Amino acid sequence: MTSADKLKNLLEREILPDLEVAIDELFSNIDKSKNASKAQKDDLEEMREMRTECFAIVEELGRDELEAEEIEELLAELMDIKTEEE
């Protein structure tokens, strides 16, 4: 499996689903309180931006637009983030 495949799998099978769950949970918390705090709004915006960036990376991988070095860097960075969460 190539690094590009690993990156795509990580994004599609772990990162994006985790982001969707976090966004849904935040929406649920906001809905329960009927009002979003500044911190919640900021968190929601940040998560939405991350989701958009992840989708863009997946699309770029599909079009073979990323250099091998960039793929390696993204993969390493995301693996580090994923490891820190566990």
C-alpha atoms as a PDB file:
ATOM      1  CA  MET A   1       0.000   0.000   0.000  1.00  0.00           C
ATOM      2  CA  THR A   2       1.394   3.367  -0.991  1.00  0.00           C
ATOM      3  CA  SER A   3       1.643   6.348   1.328  1.00  0.00           C
ATOM      4  CA  ALA A   4      -1.061   8.038  -0.740  1.00  0.00           C
ATOM      5  CA  ASP A   5      -3.372   5.068  -0.110  1.00  0.00           C
ATOM      6  CA  LYS A   6      -2.541   5.114   3.591  1.00  0.00           C
ATOM      7  CA  LEU A   7      -3.264   8.849   3.786  1.00  0.00           C
ATOM      8  CA  LYS A   8      -6.548   8.477   1.926  1.00  0.00           C
ATOM      9  CA  ASN A   9      -7.629   5.572   4.154  1.00  0.00           C
ATOM     10  CA  LEU A  10      -6.680   7.456   7.308  1.00  0.00           C
ATOM     11  CA  LEU A  11      -8.680  10.479   6.217  1.00  0.00           C
ATOM     12  CA  GLU A  12     -11.734   8.584   4.996  1.00  0.00           C
ATOM     13  CA  ARG A  13     -11.907   5.884   7.671  1.00  0.00           C
ATOM     14  CA  GLU A  14     -10.727   7.690  10.785  1.00  0.00           C
ATOM     15  CA  ILE A  15     -10.193  11.446  10.618  1.00  0.00           C
ATOM     16  CA  LEU A  16     -13.350  12.470   8.748  1.00  0.00           C
ATOM     17  CA  PRO A  17     -15.686  10.174  10.725  1.00  0.00           C
ATOM     18  CA  ASP A  18     -14.155  11.453  13.987  1.00  0.00           C
ATOM     19  CA  LEU A  19     -14.687  15.042  12.857  1.00  0.00           C
ATOM     20  CA  GLU A  20     -18.302  14.308  11.917  1.00  0.00           C
ATOM     21  CA  VAL A  21     -18.957  12.813  15.360  1.00  0.00           C
ATOM     22  CA  ALA A  22     -17.325  15.789  17.093  1.00  0.00           C
ATOM     23  CA  ILE A  23     -19.344  18.259  14.998  1.00  0.00           C
ATOM     24  CA  ASP A  24     -22.574  16.358  15.722  1.00  0.00           C
ATOM     25  CA  GLU A  25     -21.811  16.301  19.454  1.00  0.00           C
ATOM     26  CA  LEU A  26     -21.090  20.019  19.487  1.00  0.00           C
ATOM     27  CA  PHE A  27     -24.335  20.742  17.622  1.00  0.00           C
ATOM     28  CA  SER A  28     -26.195  18.586  20.147  1.00  0.00           C
ATOM     29  CA  ASN A  29     -24.635  20.477  23.069  1.00  0.00           C
ATOM     30  CA  ILE A  30     -25.478  23.811  21.475  1.00  0.00           C
ATOM     31  CA  ASP A  31     -29.040  22.654  20.821  1.00  0.00           C
ATOM     32  CA  LYS A  32     -29.486  21.552  24.439  1.00  0.00           C
ATOM     33  CA  SER A  33     -28.292  24.891  25.792  1.00  0.00           C
ATOM     34  CA  LYS A  34     -30.225  26.810  23.077  1.00  0.00           C
ATOM     35  CA  ASN A  35     -27.288  29.210  22.787  1.00  0.00           C
ATOM     36  CA  ALA A  36     -23.739  28.777  21.524  1.00  0.00           C
ATOM     37  CA  SER A  37     -20.868  30.258  23.482  1.00  0.00           C
ATOM     38  CA  LYS A  38     -18.024  32.023  21.707  1.00  0.00           C
ATOM     39  CA  ALA A  39     -15.778  29.008  22.405  1.00  0.00           C
ATOM     40  CA  GLN A  40     -18.349  26.624  20.920  1.00  0.00           C
ATOM     41  CA  LYS A  41     -18.707  28.780  17.819  1.00  0.00           C
ATOM     42  CA  ASP A  42     -14.924  28.912  17.437  1.00  0.00           C
ATOM     43  CA  ASP A  43     -14.620  25.134  17.906  1.00  0.00           C
ATOM     44  CA  LEU A  44     -17.365  24.502  15.371  1.00  0.00           C
ATOM     45  CA  GLU A  45     -15.732  26.789  12.818  1.00  0.00           C
ATOM     46  CA  GLU A  46     -12.345  25.125  13.344  1.00  0.00           C
ATOM     47  CA  MET A  47     -13.796  21.624  12.947  1.00  0.00           C
ATOM     48  CA  ARG A  48     -15.663  22.628   9.791  1.00  0.00           C
ATOM     49  CA  GLU A  49     -12.465  24.066   8.324  1.00  0.00           C
ATOM     50  CA  MET A  50     -10.576  20.874   9.190  1.00  0.00           C
ATOM     51  CA  ARG A  51     -13.296  18.787   7.541  1.00  0.00           C
ATOM     52  CA  THR A  52     -13.132  20.933   4.403  1.00  0.00           C
ATOM     53  CA  GLU A  53      -9.333  20.605   4.299  1.00  0.00           C
ATOM     54  CA  CYS A  54      -9.560  16.832   4.695  1.00  0.00           C
ATOM     55  CA  PHE A  55     -12.052  16.554   1.826  1.00  0.00           C
ATOM     56  CA  ALA A  56      -9.763  18.732  -0.310  1.00  0.00           C
ATOM     57  CA  ILE A  57      -6.790  16.464   0.424  1.00  0.00           C
ATOM     58  CA  VAL A  58      -8.816  13.378  -0.534  1.00  0.00           C
ATOM     59  CA  GLU A  59      -9.810  15.067  -3.801  1.00  0.00           C
ATOM     60  CA  GLU A  60      -6.197  16.062  -4.510  1.00  0.00           C
ATOM     61  CA  LEU A  61      -5.091  12.492  -3.864  1.00  0.00           C
ATOM     62  CA  GLY A  62      -7.721  11.266  -6.302  1.00  0.00           C
ATOM     63  CA  ARG A  63      -6.381  13.624  -8.965  1.00  0.00           C
ATOM     64  CA  ASP A  64      -2.773  12.697  -8.125  1.00  0.00           C
ATOM     65  CA  GLU A  65      -1.937  16.352  -7.418  1.00  0.00           C
ATOM     66  CA  LEU A  66       0.176  15.910  -4.283  1.00  0.00           C
ATOM     67  CA  GLU A  67       3.923  15.372  -4.285  1.00  0.00           C
ATOM     68  CA  ALA A  68       5.265  12.293  -2.495  1.00  0.00           C
ATOM     69  CA  GLU A  69       7.043  14.470   0.064  1.00  0.00           C
ATOM     70  CA  GLU A  70       3.840  16.359   0.869  1.00  0.00           C
ATOM     71  CA  ILE A  71       1.936  13.087   1.245  1.00  0.00           C
ATOM     72  CA  GLU A  72       4.571  11.783   3.657  1.00  0.00           C
ATOM     73  CA  GLU A  73       4.441  14.984   5.712  1.00  0.00           C
ATOM     74  CA  LEU A  74       0.638  14.968   5.909  1.00  0.00           C
ATOM     75  CA  LEU A  75       0.572  11.291   6.809  1.00  0.00           C
ATOM     76  CA  ALA A  76       3.148  11.751   9.569  1.00  0.00           C
ATOM     77  CA  GLU A  77       1.356  14.803  10.957  1.00  0.00           C
ATOM     78  CA  LEU A  78      -2.039  13.112  10.988  1.00  0.00           C
ATOM     79  CA  MET A  79      -0.613   9.944  12.534  1.00  0.00           C
ATOM     80  CA  ASP A  80       0.932  12.057  15.302  1.00  0.00           C
ATOM     81  CA  ILE A  81      -2.384  13.783  15.943  1.00  0.00           C
ATOM     82  CA  LYS A  82      -4.232  10.472  15.954  1.00  0.00           C
ATOM     83  CA  THR A  83      -1.685   8.953  18.359  1.00  0.00           C
ATOM     84  CA  GLU A  84      -1.998  11.923  20.742  1.00  0.00           C
ATOM     85  CA  GLU A  85      -5.783  11.470  20.868  1.00  0.00           C
ATOM     86  CA  GLU A  86      -5.497   7.854  21.991  1.00  0.00           C
END
